[in-house]
Amino acid sequence: MPAVSADLSKRLVPGELWRVAAPLLPSFAARPQGGGTAPRDQRAVFTAVVYVLTSGCAGRHLPPTFGAASGGAGRTGVRGAGDRAPVAR
């Protein structure tokens, strides 16, 4: 499976942005009963999310350089942030 190139990752998510964003991302916790999905490289997932937001590309149409299982990139960040974000009513 191809991985996000280091050049693309550094261009879309420079070190300063990654230092701010990394602590805000949900961490992987192994389930006591086992199973579940394997953890993904958080920087690669964040890079995919930044690519979608800055390019206007739909997440399901990410280029192959983001890997075959990139459809979950948006769910990782959205679910983690949405669980804690206040809802305006």
PDB file of N, CA and C in Angstrom:
ATOM      1  N   MET A   1       0.853  -1.177   0.000  1.00  0.00           N
ATOM      2  CA  MET A   1       0.000   0.000   0.000  1.00  0.00           C
ATOM      3  C   MET A   1       0.894   1.234   0.000  1.00  0.00           C
ATOM      4  N   PRO A   2       0.695   2.188  -0.915  1.00  0.00           N
ATOM      5  CA  PRO A   2       1.516   3.391  -0.927  1.00  0.00           C
ATOM      6  C   PRO A   2       1.229   4.255   0.290  1.00  0.00           C
ATOM      7  N   ALA A   3       2.237   4.937   0.741  1.00  0.00           N
ATOM      8  CA  ALA A   3       2.079   5.831   1.882  1.00  0.00           C
ATOM      9  C   ALA A   3       2.167   7.268   1.406  1.00  0.00           C
ATOM     10  N   VAL A   4       1.691   8.179   2.231  1.00  0.00           N
ATOM     11  CA  VAL A   4       1.785   9.590   1.909  1.00  0.00           C
ATOM     12  C   VAL A   4       3.265   9.951   1.856  1.00  0.00           C
ATOM     13  N   SER A   5       3.681  10.604   0.789  1.00  0.00           N
ATOM     14  CA  SER A   5       5.093  10.953   0.663  1.00  0.00           C
ATOM     15  C   SER A   5       5.482  11.959   1.742  1.00  0.00           C
ATOM     16  N   ALA A   6       6.728  11.878   2.170  1.00  0.00           N
ATOM     17  CA  ALA A   6       7.217  12.781   3.211  1.00  0.00           C
ATOM     18  C   ALA A   6       7.138  14.225   2.733  1.00  0.00           C
ATOM     19  N   ASP A   7       7.413  14.457   1.439  1.00  0.00           N
ATOM     20  CA  ASP A   7       7.367  15.810   0.887  1.00  0.00           C
ATOM     21  C   ASP A   7       5.952  16.390   0.991  1.00  0.00           C
ATOM     22  N   LEU A   8       4.949  15.614   0.599  1.00  0.00           N
ATOM     23  CA  LEU A   8       3.562  16.075   0.658  1.00  0.00           C
ATOM     24  C   LEU A   8       3.151  16.317   2.106  1.00  0.00           C
ATOM     25  N   SER A   9       3.526  15.420   2.979  1.00  0.00           N
ATOM     26  CA  SER A   9       3.174  15.555   4.385  1.00  0.00           C
ATOM     27  C   SER A   9       3.788  16.815   4.986  1.00  0.00           C
ATOM     28  N   LYS A  10       5.059  17.069   4.699  1.00  0.00           N
ATOM     29  CA  LYS A  10       5.736  18.261   5.244  1.00  0.00           C
ATOM     30  C   LYS A  10       5.172  19.546   4.641  1.00  0.00           C
ATOM     31  N   ARG A  11       4.738  19.490   3.394  1.00  0.00           N
ATOM     32  CA  ARG A  11       4.188  20.681   2.750  1.00  0.00           C
ATOM     33  C   ARG A  11       2.796  21.012   3.282  1.00  0.00           C
ATOM     34  N   LEU A  12       1.946  19.995   3.428  1.00  0.00           N
ATOM     35  CA  LEU A  12       0.582  20.235   3.908  1.00  0.00           C
ATOM     36  C   LEU A  12       0.516  20.424   5.417  1.00  0.00           C
ATOM     37  N   VAL A  13       1.376  19.697   6.139  1.00  0.00           N
ATOM     38  CA  VAL A  13       1.375  19.754   7.603  1.00  0.00           C
ATOM     39  C   VAL A  13       2.801  20.029   8.072  1.00  0.00           C
ATOM     40  N   PRO A  14       3.212  21.305   8.064  1.00  0.00           N
ATOM     41  CA  PRO A  14       4.561  21.617   8.532  1.00  0.00           C
ATOM     42  C   PRO A  14       4.705  21.292  10.020  1.00  0.00           C
ATOM     43  N   GLY A  15       5.932  21.216  10.470  1.00  0.00           N
ATOM     44  CA  GLY A  15       6.215  20.835  11.859  1.00  0.00           C
ATOM     45  C   GLY A  15       5.476  21.668  12.887  1.00  0.00           C
ATOM     46  N   GLU A  16       5.368  22.976  12.646  1.00  0.00           N
ATOM     47  CA  GLU A  16       4.687  23.854  13.609  1.00  0.00           C
ATOM     48  C   GLU A  16       3.209  23.474  13.755  1.00  0.00           C
ATOM     49  N   LEU A  17       2.560  23.209  12.627  1.00  0.00           N
ATOM     50  CA  LEU A  17       1.144  22.804  12.661  1.00  0.00           C
ATOM     51  C   LEU A  17       0.999  21.449  13.343  1.00  0.00           C
ATOM     52  N   TRP A  18       1.899  20.509  13.041  1.00  0.00           N
ATOM     53  CA  TRP A  18       1.810  19.177  13.639  1.00  0.00           C
ATOM     54  C   TRP A  18       1.998  19.247  15.150  1.00  0.00           C
ATOM     55  N   ARG A  19       2.899  20.099  15.630  1.00  0.00           N
ATOM     56  CA  ARG A  19       3.117  20.219  17.080  1.00  0.00           C
ATOM     57  C   ARG A  19       1.856  20.738  17.787  1.00  0.00           C
ATOM     58  N   VAL A  20       1.084  21.553  17.111  1.00  0.00           N
ATOM     59  CA  VAL A  20      -0.163  22.060  17.698  1.00  0.00           C
ATOM     60  C   VAL A  20      -1.271  21.010  17.595  1.00  0.00           C
ATOM     61  N   ALA A  21      -1.373  20.339  16.449  1.00  0.00           N
ATOM     62  CA  ALA A  21      -2.486  19.422  16.189  1.00  0.00           C
ATOM     63  C   ALA A  21      -2.342  18.064  16.864  1.00  0.00           C
ATOM     64  N   ALA A  22      -1.136  17.541  16.971  1.00  0.00           N
ATOM     65  CA  ALA A  22      -0.923  16.173  17.473  1.00  0.00           C
ATOM     66  C   ALA A  22      -1.556  15.922  18.843  1.00  0.00           C
ATOM     67  N   PRO A  23      -1.393  16.818  19.821  1.00  0.00           N
ATOM     68  CA  PRO A  23      -2.006  16.547  21.134  1.00  0.00           C
ATOM     69  C   PRO A  23      -3.540  16.578  21.115  1.00  0.00           C
ATOM     70  N   LEU A  24      -4.125  17.160  20.081  1.00  0.00           N
ATOM     71  CA  LEU A  24      -5.588  17.281  20.011  1.00  0.00           C
ATOM     72  C   LEU A  24      -6.266  16.063  19.391  1.00  0.00           C
ATOM     73  N   LEU A  25      -5.488  15.203  18.732  1.00  0.00           N
ATOM     74  CA  LEU A  25      -6.064  14.040  18.057  1.00  0.00           C
ATOM     75  C   LEU A  25      -6.348  12.924  19.047  1.00  0.00           C
ATOM     76  N   PRO A  26      -7.423  12.171  18.826  1.00  0.00           N
ATOM     77  CA  PRO A  26      -7.730  11.057  19.734  1.00  0.00           C
ATOM     78  C   PRO A  26      -6.647   9.998  19.637  1.00  0.00           C
ATOM     79  N   SER A  27      -6.292   9.427  20.773  1.00  0.00           N
ATOM     80  CA  SER A  27      -5.259   8.398  20.783  1.00  0.00           C
ATOM     81  C   SER A  27      -5.894   7.017  20.615  1.00  0.00           C
ATOM     82  N   PHE A  28      -5.069   6.066  20.205  1.00  0.00           N
ATOM     83  CA  PHE A  28      -5.539   4.699  20.016  1.00  0.00           C
ATOM     84  C   PHE A  28      -5.481   3.972  21.349  1.00  0.00           C
ATOM     85  N   ALA A  29      -6.549   3.330  21.707  1.00  0.00           N
ATOM     86  CA  ALA A  29      -6.584   2.509  22.917  1.00  0.00           C
ATOM     87  C   ALA A  29      -7.008   1.102  22.515  1.00  0.00           C
ATOM     88  N   ALA A  30      -6.152   0.138  22.817  1.00  0.00           N
ATOM     89  CA  ALA A  30      -6.478  -1.252  22.488  1.00  0.00           C
ATOM     90  C   ALA A  30      -7.686  -1.701  23.307  1.00  0.00           C
ATOM     91  N   ARG A  31      -8.560  -2.436  22.668  1.00  0.00           N
ATOM     92  CA  ARG A  31      -9.741  -2.941  23.363  1.00  0.00           C
ATOM     93  C   ARG A  31      -9.343  -4.156  24.189  1.00  0.00           C
ATOM     94  N   PRO A  32      -9.833  -4.275  25.423  1.00  0.00           N
ATOM     95  CA  PRO A  32      -9.443  -5.410  26.270  1.00  0.00           C
ATOM     96  C   PRO A  32      -9.827  -6.761  25.661  1.00  0.00           C
ATOM     97  N   GLN A  33     -10.927  -6.803  24.911  1.00  0.00           N
ATOM     98  CA  GLN A  33     -11.376  -8.061  24.321  1.00  0.00           C
ATOM     99  C   GLN A  33     -10.700  -8.342  22.979  1.00  0.00           C
ATOM    100  N   GLY A  34      -9.871  -7.397  22.523  1.00  0.00           N
ATOM    101  CA  GLY A  34      -9.195  -7.592  21.234  1.00  0.00           C
ATOM    102  C   GLY A  34     -10.093  -7.160  20.094  1.00  0.00           C
ATOM    103  N   GLY A  35      -9.602  -7.347  18.900  1.00  0.00           N
ATOM    104  CA  GLY A  35     -10.377  -6.981  17.721  1.00  0.00           C
ATOM    105  C   GLY A  35     -10.319  -5.496  17.453  1.00  0.00           C
ATOM    106  N   GLY A  36     -11.221  -5.022  16.647  1.00  0.00           N
ATOM    107  CA  GLY A  36     -11.234  -3.613  16.280  1.00  0.00           C
ATOM    108  C   GLY A  36     -10.317  -3.339  15.102  1.00  0.00           C
ATOM    109  N   THR A  37     -10.116  -2.094  14.803  1.00  0.00           N
ATOM    110  CA  THR A  37      -9.262  -1.722  13.686  1.00  0.00           C
ATOM    111  C   THR A  37      -7.852  -1.424  14.174  1.00  0.00           C
ATOM    112  N   ALA A  38      -6.892  -1.663  13.323  1.00  0.00           N
ATOM    113  CA  ALA A  38      -5.505  -1.373  13.663  1.00  0.00           C
ATOM    114  C   ALA A  38      -5.288   0.127  13.653  1.00  0.00           C
ATOM    115  N   PRO A  39      -4.409   0.627  14.504  1.00  0.00           N
ATOM    116  CA  PRO A  39      -4.160   2.069  14.506  1.00  0.00           C
ATOM    117  C   PRO A  39      -3.509   2.519  13.207  1.00  0.00           C
ATOM    118  N   ARG A  40      -3.793   3.742  12.817  1.00  0.00           N
ATOM    119  CA  ARG A  40      -3.193   4.330  11.615  1.00  0.00           C
ATOM    120  C   ARG A  40      -2.216   5.410  12.036  1.00  0.00           C
ATOM    121  N   ASP A  41      -1.284   5.724  11.166  1.00  0.00           N
ATOM    122  CA  ASP A  41      -0.344   6.800  11.418  1.00  0.00           C
ATOM    123  C   ASP A  41      -1.126   8.109  11.517  1.00  0.00           C
ATOM    124  N   GLN A  42      -1.102   8.739  12.692  1.00  0.00           N
ATOM    125  CA  GLN A  42      -1.929   9.917  12.908  1.00  0.00           C
ATOM    126  C   GLN A  42      -1.531  11.083  12.009  1.00  0.00           C
ATOM    127  N   ARG A  43      -0.246  11.223  11.747  1.00  0.00           N
ATOM    128  CA  ARG A  43       0.166  12.330  10.880  1.00  0.00           C
ATOM    129  C   ARG A  43      -0.339  12.114   9.459  1.00  0.00           C
ATOM    130  N   ALA A  44      -0.324  10.869   8.984  1.00  0.00           N
ATOM    131  CA  ALA A  44      -0.825  10.574   7.645  1.00  0.00           C
ATOM    132  C   ALA A  44      -2.331  10.849   7.565  1.00  0.00           C
ATOM    133  N   VAL A  45      -3.062  10.480   8.605  1.00  0.00           N
ATOM    134  CA  VAL A  45      -4.506  10.729   8.632  1.00  0.00           C
ATOM    135  C   VAL A  45      -4.773  12.233   8.664  1.00  0.00           C
ATOM    136  N   PHE A  46      -4.034  12.963   9.501  1.00  0.00           N
ATOM    137  CA  PHE A  46      -4.217  14.406   9.586  1.00  0.00           C
ATOM    138  C   PHE A  46      -3.859  15.078   8.262  1.00  0.00           C
ATOM    139  N   THR A  47      -2.811  14.581   7.602  1.00  0.00           N
ATOM    140  CA  THR A  47      -2.434  15.118   6.295  1.00  0.00           C
ATOM    141  C   THR A  47      -3.565  14.916   5.289  1.00  0.00           C
ATOM    142  N   ALA A  48      -4.204  13.754   5.326  1.00  0.00           N
ATOM    143  CA  ALA A  48      -5.330  13.495   4.419  1.00  0.00           C
ATOM    144  C   ALA A  48      -6.490  14.446   4.699  1.00  0.00           C
ATOM    145  N   VAL A  49      -6.758  14.709   5.971  1.00  0.00           N
ATOM    146  CA  VAL A  49      -7.844  15.625   6.334  1.00  0.00           C
ATOM    147  C   VAL A  49      -7.516  17.038   5.851  1.00  0.00           C
ATOM    148  N   VAL A  50      -6.268  17.480   6.057  1.00  0.00           N
ATOM    149  CA  VAL A  50      -5.860  18.807   5.598  1.00  0.00           C
ATOM    150  C   VAL A  50      -5.962  18.881   4.073  1.00  0.00           C
ATOM    151  N   TYR A  51      -5.569  17.813   3.381  1.00  0.00           N
ATOM    152  CA  TYR A  51      -5.664  17.790   1.920  1.00  0.00           C
ATOM    153  C   TYR A  51      -7.117  17.967   1.482  1.00  0.00           C
ATOM    154  N   VAL A  52      -8.018  17.244   2.108  1.00  0.00           N
ATOM    155  CA  VAL A  52      -9.447  17.336   1.745  1.00  0.00           C
ATOM    156  C   VAL A  52      -9.963  18.751   1.995  1.00  0.00           C
ATOM    157  N   LEU A  53      -9.601  19.329   3.133  1.00  0.00           N
ATOM    158  CA  LEU A  53     -10.102  20.663   3.471  1.00  0.00           C
ATOM    159  C   LEU A  53      -9.520  21.755   2.588  1.00  0.00           C
ATOM    160  N   THR A  54      -8.266  21.619   2.174  1.00  0.00           N
ATOM    161  CA  THR A  54      -7.646  22.677   1.385  1.00  0.00           C
ATOM    162  C   THR A  54      -7.845  22.513  -0.118  1.00  0.00           C
ATOM    163  N   SER A  55      -8.108  21.286  -0.569  1.00  0.00           N
ATOM    164  CA  SER A  55      -8.250  21.065  -2.012  1.00  0.00           C
ATOM    165  C   SER A  55      -9.703  21.048  -2.479  1.00  0.00           C
ATOM    166  N   GLY A  56     -10.622  20.783  -1.560  1.00  0.00           N
ATOM    167  CA  GLY A  56     -12.013  20.664  -1.945  1.00  0.00           C
ATOM    168  C   GLY A  56     -12.360  19.272  -2.449  1.00  0.00           C
ATOM    169  N   CYS A  57     -11.389  18.374  -2.423  1.00  0.00           N
ATOM    170  CA  CYS A  57     -11.596  16.990  -2.853  1.00  0.00           C
ATOM    171  C   CYS A  57     -12.461  16.262  -1.820  1.00  0.00           C
ATOM    172  N   ALA A  58     -13.377  15.447  -2.274  1.00  0.00           N
ATOM    173  CA  ALA A  58     -14.157  14.627  -1.354  1.00  0.00           C
ATOM    174  C   ALA A  58     -13.250  13.545  -0.766  1.00  0.00           C
ATOM    175  N   GLY A  59     -13.427  13.239   0.497  1.00  0.00           N
ATOM    176  CA  GLY A  59     -12.589  12.243   1.158  1.00  0.00           C
ATOM    177  C   GLY A  59     -12.564  10.907   0.444  1.00  0.00           C
ATOM    178  N   ARG A  60     -13.666  10.533  -0.148  1.00  0.00           N
ATOM    179  CA  ARG A  60     -13.724   9.237  -0.841  1.00  0.00           C
ATOM    180  C   ARG A  60     -12.957   9.262  -2.157  1.00  0.00           C
ATOM    181  N   HIS A  61     -12.531  10.459  -2.594  1.00  0.00           N
ATOM    182  CA  HIS A  61     -11.786  10.584  -3.844  1.00  0.00           C
ATOM    183  C   HIS A  61     -10.324  10.969  -3.613  1.00  0.00           C
ATOM    184  N   LEU A  62      -9.803  10.651  -2.436  1.00  0.00           N
ATOM    185  CA  LEU A  62      -8.396  10.950  -2.154  1.00  0.00           C
ATOM    186  C   LEU A  62      -7.500  10.247  -3.166  1.00  0.00           C
ATOM    187  N   PRO A  63      -6.405  10.890  -3.576  1.00  0.00           N
ATOM    188  CA  PRO A  63      -5.475  10.239  -4.509  1.00  0.00           C
ATOM    189  C   PRO A  63      -4.881   8.972  -3.896  1.00  0.00           C
ATOM    190  N   PRO A  64      -4.421   8.044  -4.730  1.00  0.00           N
ATOM    191  CA  PRO A  64      -3.862   6.783  -4.235  1.00  0.00           C
ATOM    192  C   PRO A  64      -2.666   6.958  -3.310  1.00  0.00           C
ATOM    193  N   THR A  65      -1.986   8.096  -3.354  1.00  0.00           N
ATOM    194  CA  THR A  65      -0.830   8.293  -2.475  1.00  0.00           C
ATOM    195  C   THR A  65      -1.209   8.297  -1.002  1.00  0.00           C
ATOM    196  N   PHE A  66      -2.492   8.440  -0.700  1.00  0.00           N
ATOM    197  CA  PHE A  66      -2.929   8.418   0.691  1.00  0.00           C
ATOM    198  C   PHE A  66      -3.237   7.010   1.179  1.00  0.00           C
ATOM    199  N   GLY A  67      -3.104   6.014   0.339  1.00  0.00           N
ATOM    200  CA  GLY A  67      -3.322   4.633   0.753  1.00  0.00           C
ATOM    201  C   GLY A  67      -4.711   4.141   0.407  1.00  0.00           C
ATOM    202  N   ALA A  68      -4.855   2.835   0.405  1.00  0.00           N
ATOM    203  CA  ALA A  68      -6.116   2.212  -0.006  1.00  0.00           C
ATOM    204  C   ALA A  68      -7.226   2.423   1.009  1.00  0.00           C
ATOM    205  N   ALA A  69      -6.876   2.510   2.280  1.00  0.00           N
ATOM    206  CA  ALA A  69      -7.906   2.621   3.313  1.00  0.00           C
ATOM    207  C   ALA A  69      -8.081   4.053   3.775  1.00  0.00           C
ATOM    208  N   SER A  70      -7.962   5.014   2.876  1.00  0.00           N
ATOM    209  CA  SER A  70      -8.038   6.404   3.305  1.00  0.00           C
ATOM    210  C   SER A  70      -9.457   6.893   3.535  1.00  0.00           C
ATOM    211  N   GLY A  71     -10.458   6.089   3.255  1.00  0.00           N
ATOM    212  CA  GLY A  71     -11.830   6.510   3.495  1.00  0.00           C
ATOM    213  C   GLY A  71     -12.122   6.790   4.953  1.00  0.00           C
ATOM    214  N   GLY A  72     -11.356   6.209   5.858  1.00  0.00           N
ATOM    215  CA  GLY A  72     -11.567   6.443   7.283  1.00  0.00           C
ATOM    216  C   GLY A  72     -10.891   7.685   7.801  1.00  0.00           C
ATOM    217  N   ALA A  73     -10.172   8.395   6.962  1.00  0.00           N
ATOM    218  CA  ALA A  73      -9.429   9.567   7.424  1.00  0.00           C
ATOM    219  C   ALA A  73     -10.357  10.601   8.037  1.00  0.00           C
ATOM    220  N   GLY A  74     -11.449  10.891   7.376  1.00  0.00           N
ATOM    221  CA  GLY A  74     -12.364  11.885   7.910  1.00  0.00           C
ATOM    222  C   GLY A  74     -13.063  11.417   9.166  1.00  0.00           C
ATOM    223  N   ARG A  75     -13.430  10.149   9.214  1.00  0.00           N
ATOM    224  CA  ARG A  75     -14.131   9.643  10.391  1.00  0.00           C
ATOM    225  C   ARG A  75     -13.280   9.732  11.637  1.00  0.00           C
ATOM    226  N   THR A  76     -11.979   9.526  11.520  1.00  0.00           N
ATOM    227  CA  THR A  76     -11.109   9.551  12.690  1.00  0.00           C
ATOM    228  C   THR A  76     -11.181  10.892  13.379  1.00  0.00           C
ATOM    229  N   GLY A  77     -10.981  11.969  12.631  1.00  0.00           N
ATOM    230  CA  GLY A  77     -10.978  13.299  13.235  1.00  0.00           C
ATOM    231  C   GLY A  77     -12.362  13.783  13.600  1.00  0.00           C
ATOM    232  N   VAL A  78     -13.343  13.526  12.751  1.00  0.00           N
ATOM    233  CA  VAL A  78     -14.684  14.049  12.986  1.00  0.00           C
ATOM    234  C   VAL A  78     -15.316  13.387  14.198  1.00  0.00           C
ATOM    235  N   ARG A  79     -15.198  12.085  14.315  1.00  0.00           N
ATOM    236  CA  ARG A  79     -15.813  11.400  15.439  1.00  0.00           C
ATOM    237  C   ARG A  79     -15.151  11.824  16.746  1.00  0.00           C
ATOM    238  N   GLY A  80     -13.827  11.913  16.748  1.00  0.00           N
ATOM    239  CA  GLY A  80     -13.113  12.297  17.964  1.00  0.00           C
ATOM    240  C   GLY A  80     -13.455  13.707  18.406  1.00  0.00           C
ATOM    241  N   ALA A  81     -13.533  14.636  17.476  1.00  0.00           N
ATOM    242  CA  ALA A  81     -13.827  16.023  17.833  1.00  0.00           C
ATOM    243  C   ALA A  81     -15.314  16.195  18.118  1.00  0.00           C
ATOM    244  N   GLY A  82     -16.160  15.507  17.365  1.00  0.00           N
ATOM    245  CA  GLY A  82     -17.602  15.666  17.524  1.00  0.00           C
ATOM    246  C   GLY A  82     -18.120  15.179  18.864  1.00  0.00           C
ATOM    247  N   ASP A  83     -17.438  14.193  19.433  1.00  0.00           N
ATOM    248  CA  ASP A  83     -17.892  13.680  20.730  1.00  0.00           C
ATOM    249  C   ASP A  83     -17.721  14.710  21.845  1.00  0.00           C
ATOM    250  N   ARG A  84     -16.740  15.613  21.674  1.00  0.00           N
ATOM    251  CA  ARG A  84     -16.456  16.576  22.727  1.00  0.00           C
ATOM    252  C   ARG A  84     -16.926  17.987  22.385  1.00  0.00           C
ATOM    253  N   ALA A  85     -17.273  18.218  21.150  1.00  0.00           N
ATOM    254  CA  ALA A  85     -17.612  19.570  20.729  1.00  0.00           C
ATOM    255  C   ALA A  85     -19.026  19.933  21.180  1.00  0.00           C
ATOM    256  N   PRO A  86     -19.205  21.155  21.691  1.00  0.00           N
ATOM    257  CA  PRO A  86     -20.560  21.572  22.073  1.00  0.00           C
ATOM    258  C   PRO A  86     -21.421  21.764  20.837  1.00  0.00           C
ATOM    259  N   VAL A  87     -22.681  21.518  20.975  1.00  0.00           N
ATOM    260  CA  VAL A  87     -23.616  21.640  19.862  1.00  0.00           C
ATOM    261  C   VAL A  87     -24.469  22.881  20.068  1.00  0.00           C
ATOM    262  N   ALA A  88     -24.483  23.767  19.080  1.00  0.00           N
ATOM    263  CA  ALA A  88     -25.320  24.967  19.160  1.00  0.00           C
ATOM    264  C   ALA A  88     -26.746  24.592  18.826  1.00  0.00           C
ATOM    265  N   ARG A  89     -27.653  25.045  19.606  1.00  0.00           N
ATOM    266  CA  ARG A  89     -29.071  24.730  19.359  1.00  0.00           C
ATOM    267  C   ARG A  89     -29.884  25.986  19.266  1.00  0.00           C
TER     268      ARG A  89
END
